[in-house]
Amino acid sequence: MKYLNTLLFCLFSIFNYGQLDTVTLETSILVKSEVAIGLNVPWDIEWGPDDHIWATERRGTVVRIEPNSGLTTTILDIRSQVSAVQESGLLGLAIHPDFENSPFVYLVYVYGADFPSGERLVRFTWDGSQLVNEEIILDNNISAGFIHNGSRLMITDDMKLLMTTGDFGATDTSQDLSNLNGKLLRINLDGTIPDDNPDPTSYVYSFGHRNSQGIAYGPNRQIYASEHGPDSSDEFNLILPNRNYGWPAVIGSCNTSAEINFCNNNDVVEPLIEWTPCVAVNGLSYYDHPAIPEWEGKMLMAVLGGFARLPRVSVLTFNEDGTQVTQEDQYFDEFGRIRDIIVSPEGVVYFATNGNNYPGSGPNMIIAYSKEGTVSSTDDILDQEMITLYPIPAHRGQTISLTYNKDLAGGQYQVIGYDGKINQEGSLPDDNQSINIKDIPSGHYYVSVTSDIGRITKSFVVE
């Protein structure tokens, strides 16, 4: 399997030869690589203890991706249980920190057939190849809707589970402490209420939230969250226990007479930074690694674009104690809506895209950026000559020759346009395969190869 993974990495890295994008920082050059393409609205990505990327797809599946080769396998399919309408679906994911002894994966999904009925926190067990044995951790007390379902998960250093919930469009829920919507919940890993919660009879840790869809540790192991505003005042917040974050009486900072009065009477926490018009802030990851020194100690935030139409990754700089955001820098604005972002143990940045249009048009990708010199060189890949796709870029009217190692023979391939249309498909024989593109218009496409070991993809251009 290790040999085959190396082979597949060589195959699809060559697809992108000569097209690797770079980003130049003060002293670092970041090099782009495409990990996977054609996913179905990836919502939450996490770096697994097996050095794979684990991702939820909103339709109701979990996939596991080997980051070098891009080999993708489906390890859970609960589409029959999940309501994936508009913004609902299979959303948050968290992996138990002691995975060797407790191989548990926590998920949040909206259930119901044609209409979202509620939101459910569950736990699955990893058996080495699949997620099995669903256990319900929290159910029946969280309402869900077509919008504002929160659902980011995070396991804290003291082994508690934090879960964001949205107001599902019912704004009166966020200030109601007897209601679990519009909150940040703190939960024991077995689903019980922690004795040291602000109220030991309640899951509620903080309240007055509209729709938080990003949560992470930051400087000094403080907890931060991103939160969607209405048409204005998206927020980035420092989370404090038993505190009110204002919604719906306060939108962003306390700056109107009514808001100032409410804030004074309700001990409201104001955002560290806000954005108007809203940019649709999403997943968070703290860059606590020396590999990219310009970003060390800063928060990386996925941004979908919102009303401002500015999708990107925002890099937020803090003051010394992490109580202020002193600067925002913006990167990667050419990929469309960016949903979530993670950092590998080697300091490589991965992010998931959701297409150019709401709520998740294709093609959806996992993209990586690493500091130059930390990944295999293209020359090393070409020297092995284990597989080629030639010529790339291709010109309309040509035939592309796909040659590959015999271990891939017997699989199936598809040529798919960025519009989702399958333009060609067939099987992979023992030696090579020709892809005839004479009837394919100029544009962006990707090849998807599926075999008994999983799926692997890469994009190419027809000029």
Protein backbone atom coordinates (compact mmCIF):
# COMPACT_ATOMS: atom_id res chain seq x y z
CA MET A 1 0.00 0.00 0.00
CA LYS A 2 2.83 2.41 0.77
CA TYR A 3 4.30 1.74 -2.71
CA LEU A 4 0.89 2.33 -4.31
CA ASN A 5 0.33 5.58 -2.42
CA THR A 6 3.71 6.80 -3.68
CA LEU A 7 2.74 5.78 -7.19
CA LEU A 8 -0.53 7.68 -7.03
CA PHE A 9 1.21 10.75 -5.65
CA CYS A 10 3.56 10.66 -8.64
CA LEU A 11 0.68 10.20 -11.08
CA PHE A 12 -1.39 13.16 -10.10
CA SER A 13 1.43 15.49 -9.13
CA ILE A 14 2.53 15.28 -12.77
CA PHE A 15 -0.96 16.39 -13.82
CA ASN A 16 -0.18 19.71 -12.14
CA TYR A 17 3.44 19.99 -13.32
CA GLY A 18 4.27 23.53 -14.36
CA GLN A 19 1.09 24.87 -12.73
CA LEU A 20 2.10 25.04 -9.06
CA ASP A 21 1.13 28.41 -7.66
CA THR A 22 3.28 30.20 -5.11
CA VAL A 23 2.62 32.85 -2.47
CA THR A 24 5.54 34.99 -1.37
CA LEU A 25 5.61 36.24 2.22
CA GLU A 26 8.41 38.27 3.82
CA THR A 27 10.94 35.43 3.83
CA SER A 28 8.85 32.34 3.01
CA ILE A 29 7.59 31.07 -0.34
CA LEU A 30 4.49 28.91 -0.07
CA VAL A 31 3.88 26.28 -2.75
CA LYS A 32 0.40 25.08 -3.70
CA SER A 33 -0.60 21.48 -4.24
CA GLU A 34 -4.03 20.09 -5.00
CA VAL A 35 -4.92 17.25 -2.66
CA ALA A 36 -8.40 16.30 -3.89
CA ILE A 37 -11.16 17.68 -6.09
CA GLY A 38 -14.78 16.75 -6.66
CA LEU A 39 -15.79 16.32 -3.03
CA ASN A 40 -19.41 16.92 -2.06
CA VAL A 41 -19.43 20.15 -0.02
CA PRO A 42 -16.67 19.35 2.51
CA TRP A 43 -17.75 21.08 5.72
CA ASP A 44 -15.30 20.12 8.48
CA ILE A 45 -11.73 18.92 7.92
CA GLU A 46 -9.50 17.61 10.70
CA TRP A 47 -5.96 16.25 10.82
CA GLY A 48 -6.27 12.67 12.00
CA PRO A 49 -3.94 10.74 14.32
CA ASP A 50 -3.15 8.52 11.32
CA ASP A 51 -1.72 11.51 9.37
CA HIS A 52 -4.75 11.55 7.09
CA ILE A 53 -7.31 14.29 6.56
CA TRP A 54 -10.77 13.37 7.84
CA ALA A 55 -13.61 15.36 6.32
CA THR A 56 -17.38 15.53 6.57
CA GLU A 57 -19.36 15.99 3.37
CA ARG A 58 -22.60 17.83 4.00
CA ARG A 59 -24.69 15.23 2.16
CA GLY A 60 -24.01 12.70 4.96
CA THR A 61 -20.64 11.04 4.33
CA VAL A 62 -17.22 11.09 5.98
CA VAL A 63 -14.12 10.65 3.82
CA ARG A 64 -10.51 9.93 4.73
CA ILE A 65 -7.82 11.42 2.50
CA GLU A 66 -4.13 10.50 2.31
CA PRO A 67 -2.64 14.01 1.91
CA ASN A 68 0.30 13.18 -0.37
CA SER A 69 -1.43 10.94 -2.91
CA GLY A 70 -4.93 12.33 -2.51
CA LEU A 71 -6.29 8.79 -2.17
CA THR A 72 -9.83 9.22 -0.83
CA THR A 73 -12.00 6.57 0.79
CA THR A 74 -15.51 6.86 2.19
CA ILE A 75 -15.54 5.63 5.78
CA LEU A 76 -19.11 6.51 6.75
CA ASP A 77 -22.32 6.93 4.76
CA ILE A 78 -25.40 8.01 6.74
CA ARG A 79 -27.17 9.88 3.95
CA SER A 80 -30.40 8.08 4.81
CA GLN A 81 -30.37 9.70 8.27
CA VAL A 82 -29.22 13.20 7.34
CA SER A 83 -31.30 16.16 6.20
CA ALA A 84 -28.99 17.96 3.77
CA VAL A 85 -31.21 20.82 2.60
CA GLN A 86 -29.77 24.34 2.13
CA GLU A 87 -27.33 24.76 5.08
CA SER A 88 -28.30 21.62 7.00
CA GLY A 89 -26.54 18.26 6.75
CA LEU A 90 -23.60 16.39 8.27
CA LEU A 91 -21.48 19.17 9.73
CA GLY A 92 -19.03 19.16 12.66
CA LEU A 93 -16.36 16.53 13.39
CA ALA A 94 -13.95 15.97 16.29
CA ILE A 95 -11.50 13.12 16.87
CA HIS A 96 -10.71 11.83 20.36
CA PRO A 97 -7.21 13.01 21.39
CA ASP A 98 -6.30 9.58 22.81
CA PHE A 99 -7.32 7.80 19.63
CA GLU A 100 -5.15 4.72 20.20
CA ASN A 101 -7.02 3.82 23.36
CA SER A 102 -10.32 5.56 22.57
CA PRO A 103 -10.87 5.35 18.77
CA PHE A 104 -13.90 7.64 18.82
CA VAL A 105 -15.07 10.22 16.29
CA TYR A 106 -17.74 12.75 17.25
CA LEU A 107 -20.11 14.13 14.62
CA VAL A 108 -23.01 16.57 14.46
CA TYR A 109 -25.74 16.20 11.88
CA VAL A 110 -29.20 17.55 11.14
CA TYR A 111 -31.70 14.72 10.94
CA GLY A 112 -35.07 14.43 9.29
CA ALA A 113 -36.24 13.46 5.84
CA ASP A 114 -37.48 16.36 3.72
CA PHE A 115 -37.51 18.86 6.58
CA PRO A 116 -34.84 19.33 9.28
CA SER A 117 -36.25 17.88 12.51
CA GLY A 118 -33.39 18.51 14.91
CA GLU A 119 -29.66 18.38 15.50
CA ARG A 120 -27.87 15.36 16.94
CA LEU A 121 -24.42 14.91 18.49
CA VAL A 122 -23.20 11.34 18.05
CA ARG A 123 -20.11 9.20 18.51
CA PHE A 124 -18.78 6.52 16.16
CA THR A 125 -15.99 3.99 16.71
CA TRP A 126 -13.16 3.51 14.19
CA ASP A 127 -12.62 -0.18 13.41
CA GLY A 128 -9.56 0.36 11.21
CA SER A 129 -11.43 0.88 7.96
CA GLN A 130 -14.90 2.27 8.77
CA LEU A 131 -16.77 4.27 11.38
CA VAL A 132 -19.20 1.94 13.13
CA ASN A 133 -21.50 1.64 16.17
CA GLU A 134 -23.27 5.00 16.32
CA GLU A 135 -24.00 6.20 19.86
CA ILE A 136 -26.19 9.22 20.50
CA ILE A 137 -24.50 11.67 22.87
CA LEU A 138 -27.00 14.55 22.77
CA ASP A 139 -30.39 14.56 21.08
CA ASN A 140 -33.95 15.94 21.22
CA ASN A 141 -33.00 19.26 22.83
CA ILE A 142 -31.44 21.08 19.86
CA SER A 143 -33.66 22.45 17.14
CA ALA A 144 -32.42 22.69 13.56
CA GLY A 145 -33.53 24.42 10.40
CA PHE A 146 -32.52 25.19 6.85
CA ILE A 147 -30.14 27.88 8.19
CA HIS A 148 -28.05 28.79 11.26
CA ASN A 149 -27.17 25.33 12.59
CA GLY A 150 -23.77 26.11 14.12
CA SER A 151 -22.19 22.68 14.70
CA ARG A 152 -18.44 23.25 15.08
CA LEU A 153 -16.88 20.82 17.54
CA MET A 154 -13.70 21.01 19.61
CA ILE A 155 -12.27 18.76 22.34
CA THR A 156 -10.50 20.81 25.00
CA ASP A 157 -7.35 20.10 27.00
CA ASP A 158 -9.49 19.00 29.96
CA MET A 159 -11.30 16.47 27.73
CA LYS A 160 -14.56 18.33 27.37
CA LEU A 161 -16.45 18.69 24.11
CA LEU A 162 -17.37 22.20 22.96
CA MET A 163 -20.20 22.45 20.45
CA THR A 164 -21.60 25.56 18.81
CA THR A 165 -25.32 25.75 18.09
CA GLY A 166 -27.13 28.26 15.91
CA ASP A 167 -30.43 30.03 16.48
CA PHE A 168 -31.87 28.16 13.40
CA GLY A 169 -33.49 31.47 12.42
CA ALA A 170 -35.45 31.84 15.68
CA THR A 171 -33.70 34.83 17.24
CA ASP A 172 -35.44 34.59 20.63
CA THR A 173 -33.60 31.34 21.45
CA SER A 174 -30.14 32.85 21.93
CA GLN A 175 -30.97 34.74 25.15
CA ASP A 176 -33.11 31.92 26.61
CA LEU A 177 -30.85 29.94 28.96
CA SER A 178 -33.34 27.07 29.05
CA ASN A 179 -32.88 26.60 25.29
CA LEU A 180 -29.73 25.01 23.82
CA ASN A 181 -29.86 26.94 20.54
CA GLY A 182 -27.72 30.03 19.96
CA LYS A 183 -25.15 28.81 22.48
CA LEU A 184 -21.71 27.36 23.00
CA LEU A 185 -22.22 24.07 24.85
CA ARG A 186 -19.70 22.28 27.09
CA ILE A 187 -20.26 18.54 27.32
CA ASN A 188 -18.56 15.55 28.90
CA LEU A 189 -17.39 13.06 26.29
CA ASP A 190 -20.07 10.62 27.44
CA GLY A 191 -22.80 13.23 26.95
CA THR A 192 -23.34 14.23 30.56
CA ILE A 193 -23.13 17.78 31.95
CA PRO A 194 -19.75 18.71 33.48
CA ASP A 195 -19.91 19.47 37.20
CA ASP A 196 -17.79 22.61 36.69
CA ASN A 197 -20.00 24.20 34.03
CA PRO A 198 -21.20 27.74 34.87
CA ASP A 199 -24.51 26.09 35.78
CA PRO A 200 -23.87 22.45 36.77
CA THR A 201 -27.38 21.55 35.58
CA SER A 202 -26.89 22.98 32.08
CA TYR A 203 -24.71 22.37 29.02
CA VAL A 204 -24.58 26.13 28.33
CA TYR A 205 -21.08 27.63 28.49
CA SER A 206 -21.78 30.96 26.76
CA PHE A 207 -24.87 32.41 25.10
CA GLY A 208 -26.22 35.20 22.92
CA HIS A 209 -24.73 33.66 19.76
CA ARG A 210 -26.32 33.79 16.32
CA ASN A 211 -24.45 31.15 14.32
CA SER A 212 -20.86 30.31 15.27
CA GLN A 213 -19.12 28.07 12.74
CA GLY A 214 -15.50 28.31 13.82
CA ILE A 215 -13.84 27.50 17.15
CA ALA A 216 -10.19 27.00 18.12
CA TYR A 217 -7.56 27.55 20.76
CA GLY A 218 -5.38 30.62 20.28
CA PRO A 219 -2.72 32.47 22.27
CA ASN A 220 -2.28 31.22 25.85
CA ARG A 221 -4.77 28.39 25.12
CA GLN A 222 -7.64 30.84 25.10
CA ILE A 223 -10.75 29.85 23.13
CA TYR A 224 -11.86 31.88 20.12
CA ALA A 225 -14.90 31.62 17.85
CA SER A 226 -16.05 33.09 14.57
CA GLU A 227 -19.71 34.02 14.20
CA HIS A 228 -21.96 34.92 11.29
CA GLY A 229 -23.79 38.22 11.58
CA PRO A 230 -26.94 39.09 9.61
CA ASP A 231 -26.04 41.42 6.72
CA SER A 232 -23.44 43.16 8.88
CA SER A 233 -21.09 42.58 11.79
CA ASP A 234 -19.58 39.16 11.35
CA GLU A 235 -17.62 38.59 14.56
CA PHE A 236 -14.40 37.08 15.86
CA ASN A 237 -14.77 36.55 19.61
CA LEU A 238 -12.72 35.61 22.65
CA ILE A 239 -14.91 33.07 24.45
CA LEU A 240 -15.40 33.50 28.19
CA PRO A 241 -17.56 31.25 30.40
CA ASN A 242 -21.03 32.32 31.44
CA ARG A 243 -20.93 35.44 29.31
CA ASN A 244 -23.49 36.98 26.99
CA TYR A 245 -22.49 37.76 23.37
CA GLY A 246 -25.53 39.94 22.75
CA TRP A 247 -27.53 38.49 19.87
CA PRO A 248 -30.18 39.51 18.89
CA ALA A 249 -30.23 42.69 20.99
CA VAL A 250 -26.67 43.54 19.95
CA ILE A 251 -25.27 43.23 16.42
CA GLY A 252 -21.48 43.33 16.62
CA SER A 253 -20.15 45.97 19.00
CA CYS A 254 -22.25 47.97 21.44
CA ASN A 255 -22.62 51.19 19.48
CA THR A 256 -26.25 52.30 19.48
CA SER A 257 -28.16 53.68 22.46
CA ALA A 258 -30.25 50.54 22.80
CA GLU A 259 -27.22 48.29 22.43
CA ILE A 260 -25.15 50.24 24.97
CA ASN A 261 -27.96 50.00 27.48
CA PHE A 262 -28.34 46.24 26.91
CA CYS A 263 -24.59 45.68 27.11
CA ASN A 264 -24.28 47.54 30.39
CA ASN A 265 -27.12 45.57 31.94
CA ASN A 266 -26.10 42.14 30.63
CA ASP A 267 -22.28 42.03 30.82
CA VAL A 268 -21.98 41.59 27.05
CA VAL A 269 -18.66 40.57 25.47
CA GLU A 270 -17.90 42.62 22.35
CA PRO A 271 -16.07 41.11 19.34
CA LEU A 272 -12.32 41.54 18.94
CA ILE A 273 -12.94 42.42 15.30
CA GLU A 274 -16.02 42.59 13.08
CA TRP A 275 -16.74 42.86 9.36
CA THR A 276 -19.44 44.89 7.59
CA PRO A 277 -20.87 43.98 5.14
CA CYS A 278 -20.65 40.40 6.34
CA VAL A 279 -17.96 38.23 4.78
CA ALA A 280 -19.26 34.89 6.18
CA VAL A 281 -16.50 33.90 8.61
CA ASN A 282 -16.05 30.18 9.15
CA GLY A 283 -13.50 27.57 10.29
CA LEU A 284 -10.51 28.52 12.47
CA SER A 285 -7.04 27.08 12.99
CA TYR A 286 -4.27 28.55 15.13
CA TYR A 287 -0.89 28.51 13.40
CA ASP A 288 1.41 27.52 16.25
CA HIS A 289 4.36 26.29 14.16
CA PRO A 290 7.76 27.68 13.07
CA ALA A 291 7.52 26.35 9.49
CA ILE A 292 5.96 29.62 8.27
CA PRO A 293 7.43 32.20 10.67
CA GLU A 294 5.32 35.06 9.29
CA TRP A 295 2.17 33.28 10.50
CA GLU A 296 3.41 31.78 13.76
CA GLY A 297 1.17 32.75 16.65
CA LYS A 298 -1.62 33.94 14.36
CA MET A 299 -5.16 32.72 13.70
CA LEU A 300 -6.07 31.39 10.26
CA MET A 301 -9.75 31.88 9.42
CA ALA A 302 -11.68 30.46 6.47
CA VAL A 303 -13.97 33.02 4.84
CA LEU A 304 -16.82 32.14 2.50
CA GLY A 305 -17.26 35.63 1.08
CA GLY A 306 -20.76 36.61 2.19
CA PHE A 307 -22.41 39.80 1.00
CA ALA A 308 -18.97 41.33 0.56
CA ARG A 309 -18.12 38.66 -2.07
CA LEU A 310 -14.61 38.36 -0.68
CA PRO A 311 -13.81 34.67 -0.08
CA ARG A 312 -10.31 34.15 1.34
CA VAL A 313 -8.18 33.00 4.23
CA SER A 314 -7.75 35.77 6.79
CA VAL A 315 -4.62 35.75 8.97
CA LEU A 316 -5.31 37.55 12.26
CA THR A 317 -2.52 39.02 14.39
CA PHE A 318 -2.99 39.37 18.17
CA ASN A 319 -1.57 41.62 20.82
CA GLU A 320 0.68 39.99 23.41
CA ASP A 321 -2.05 38.52 25.62
CA GLY A 322 -4.47 37.66 22.82
CA THR A 323 -7.17 40.12 23.91
CA GLN A 324 -7.03 42.25 20.77
CA VAL A 325 -6.71 41.65 17.04
CA THR A 326 -4.21 44.18 15.75
CA GLN A 327 -4.09 43.27 12.05
CA GLU A 328 -5.80 41.23 9.35
CA ASP A 329 -3.97 39.98 6.24
CA GLN A 330 -5.81 38.25 3.39
CA TYR A 331 -4.68 35.37 1.15
CA PHE A 332 -6.03 32.77 -1.29
CA ASP A 333 -8.89 34.80 -2.73
CA GLU A 334 -8.92 32.91 -6.06
CA PHE A 335 -10.43 29.60 -4.88
CA GLY A 336 -14.02 30.63 -4.21
CA ARG A 337 -15.76 29.98 -0.89
CA ILE A 338 -13.37 28.61 1.76
CA ARG A 339 -15.18 26.59 4.42
CA ASP A 340 -12.56 25.19 6.82
CA ILE A 341 -8.81 25.21 7.43
CA ILE A 342 -6.32 23.02 9.32
CA VAL A 343 -2.58 22.83 9.98
CA SER A 344 -0.62 19.56 9.84
CA PRO A 345 2.05 18.64 12.42
CA GLU A 346 4.65 19.72 9.81
CA GLY A 347 3.08 23.17 9.48
CA VAL A 348 1.39 22.57 6.10
CA VAL A 349 -1.86 24.52 5.66
CA TYR A 350 -4.88 22.73 4.17
CA PHE A 351 -8.23 24.30 3.36
CA ALA A 352 -11.54 23.08 1.96
CA THR A 353 -13.41 25.01 -0.72
CA ASN A 354 -17.15 25.05 -1.43
CA GLY A 355 -17.22 26.43 -4.97
CA ASN A 356 -18.11 29.95 -6.03
CA ASN A 357 -21.80 30.05 -5.14
CA TYR A 358 -23.97 29.52 -2.04
CA PRO A 359 -24.50 27.05 -0.50
CA GLY A 360 -21.76 24.87 -2.05
CA SER A 361 -21.42 24.72 -5.83
CA GLY A 362 -18.66 22.56 -7.28
CA PRO A 363 -16.06 21.57 -7.80
CA ASN A 364 -15.14 21.39 -4.12
CA MET A 365 -11.45 20.93 -3.33
CA ILE A 366 -8.87 20.33 -0.64
CA ILE A 367 -5.87 22.60 -1.30
CA ALA A 368 -2.50 22.57 0.51
CA TYR A 369 0.16 25.26 0.88
CA SER A 370 3.56 24.37 2.28
CA LYS A 371 6.78 26.26 2.65
CA GLU A 372 9.06 25.75 -0.33
CA GLY A 373 11.49 22.90 0.25
CA THR A 374 9.26 20.89 2.59
CA VAL A 375 7.66 18.66 -0.09
CA SER A 376 9.05 16.33 -2.74
CA SER A 377 10.49 18.14 -5.75
CA THR A 378 8.91 17.83 -9.16
CA ASP A 379 12.23 16.57 -10.57
CA ASP A 380 12.15 13.62 -8.18
CA ILE A 381 8.63 12.81 -9.33
CA LEU A 382 9.49 13.00 -13.00
CA ASP A 383 12.60 10.84 -12.61
CA GLN A 384 10.42 7.93 -11.52
CA GLU A 385 8.28 8.14 -14.70
CA MET A 386 5.71 5.82 -13.15
CA ILE A 387 2.78 7.51 -14.80
CA THR A 388 2.22 10.38 -17.21
CA LEU A 389 -0.61 12.42 -18.65
CA TYR A 390 0.57 14.03 -21.83
CA PRO A 391 0.36 16.73 -23.10
CA ILE A 392 -0.63 19.05 -20.26
CA PRO A 393 -2.00 21.63 -20.69
CA ALA A 394 -3.96 20.05 -23.49
CA HIS A 395 -5.40 21.66 -26.60
CA ARG A 396 -8.86 20.99 -27.93
CA GLY A 397 -8.78 18.38 -30.67
CA GLN A 398 -5.92 16.44 -29.14
CA THR A 399 -5.79 13.04 -27.51
CA ILE A 400 -4.29 12.87 -24.02
CA SER A 401 -2.24 9.78 -23.29
CA LEU A 402 -2.64 8.43 -19.78
CA THR A 403 -0.03 5.81 -18.89
CA TYR A 404 0.16 4.23 -15.47
CA ASN A 405 1.51 1.43 -13.37
CA LYS A 406 -0.21 -1.94 -13.74
CA ASP A 407 -1.52 -1.74 -10.15
CA LEU A 408 -4.14 0.76 -11.35
CA ALA A 409 -5.40 -1.46 -14.14
CA GLY A 410 -9.04 -2.46 -13.85
CA GLY A 411 -10.15 0.81 -12.30
CA GLN A 412 -12.59 3.29 -13.79
CA TYR A 413 -11.94 6.84 -14.90
CA GLN A 414 -14.12 9.87 -15.58
CA VAL A 415 -13.35 13.25 -17.12
CA ILE A 416 -15.55 15.78 -15.30
CA GLY A 417 -16.00 19.47 -16.02
CA TYR A 418 -16.09 22.08 -13.30
CA ASP A 419 -19.82 22.30 -14.06
CA GLY A 420 -20.19 18.70 -12.86
CA LYS A 421 -20.83 17.22 -16.33
CA ILE A 422 -19.18 13.88 -17.08
CA ASN A 423 -17.54 14.33 -20.46
CA GLN A 424 -15.91 10.92 -20.81
CA GLU A 425 -15.62 7.72 -18.82
CA GLY A 426 -14.26 4.24 -19.18
CA SER A 427 -12.08 1.51 -17.68
CA LEU A 428 -8.31 1.38 -17.28
CA PRO A 429 -6.80 -1.55 -19.21
CA ASP A 430 -3.47 -3.21 -18.51
CA ASP A 431 -1.15 -0.68 -20.13
CA ASN A 432 -2.48 2.81 -20.93
CA GLN A 433 -5.57 4.79 -21.78
CA SER A 434 -6.18 7.53 -24.34
CA ILE A 435 -8.47 10.40 -23.40
CA ASN A 436 -9.96 11.92 -26.53
CA ILE A 437 -10.76 15.58 -25.93
CA LYS A 438 -11.68 16.58 -29.48
CA ASP A 439 -15.30 17.23 -28.47
CA ILE A 440 -14.52 18.78 -25.09
CA PRO A 441 -14.72 22.61 -25.02
CA SER A 442 -11.87 24.69 -23.64
CA GLY A 443 -12.04 25.02 -19.87
CA HIS A 444 -11.23 23.41 -16.53
CA TYR A 445 -11.71 19.71 -15.90
CA TYR A 446 -10.58 16.97 -13.57
CA VAL A 447 -9.90 13.27 -13.93
CA SER A 448 -11.39 10.99 -11.30
CA VAL A 449 -9.97 7.47 -11.01
CA THR A 450 -11.84 4.97 -8.84
CA SER A 451 -10.55 1.52 -7.96
CA ASP A 452 -11.02 -0.96 -5.16
CA ILE A 453 -8.62 1.02 -2.97
CA GLY A 454 -10.49 4.33 -3.22
CA ARG A 455 -10.69 7.43 -5.38
CA ILE A 456 -8.09 9.89 -6.59
CA THR A 457 -8.51 13.09 -8.58
CA LYS A 458 -6.66 15.95 -10.19
CA SER A 459 -7.57 18.90 -12.36
CA PHE A 460 -6.29 19.91 -15.79
CA VAL A 461 -6.96 22.56 -18.40
CA VAL A 462 -8.02 22.28 -22.02
CA GLU A 463 -6.90 25.33 -23.97
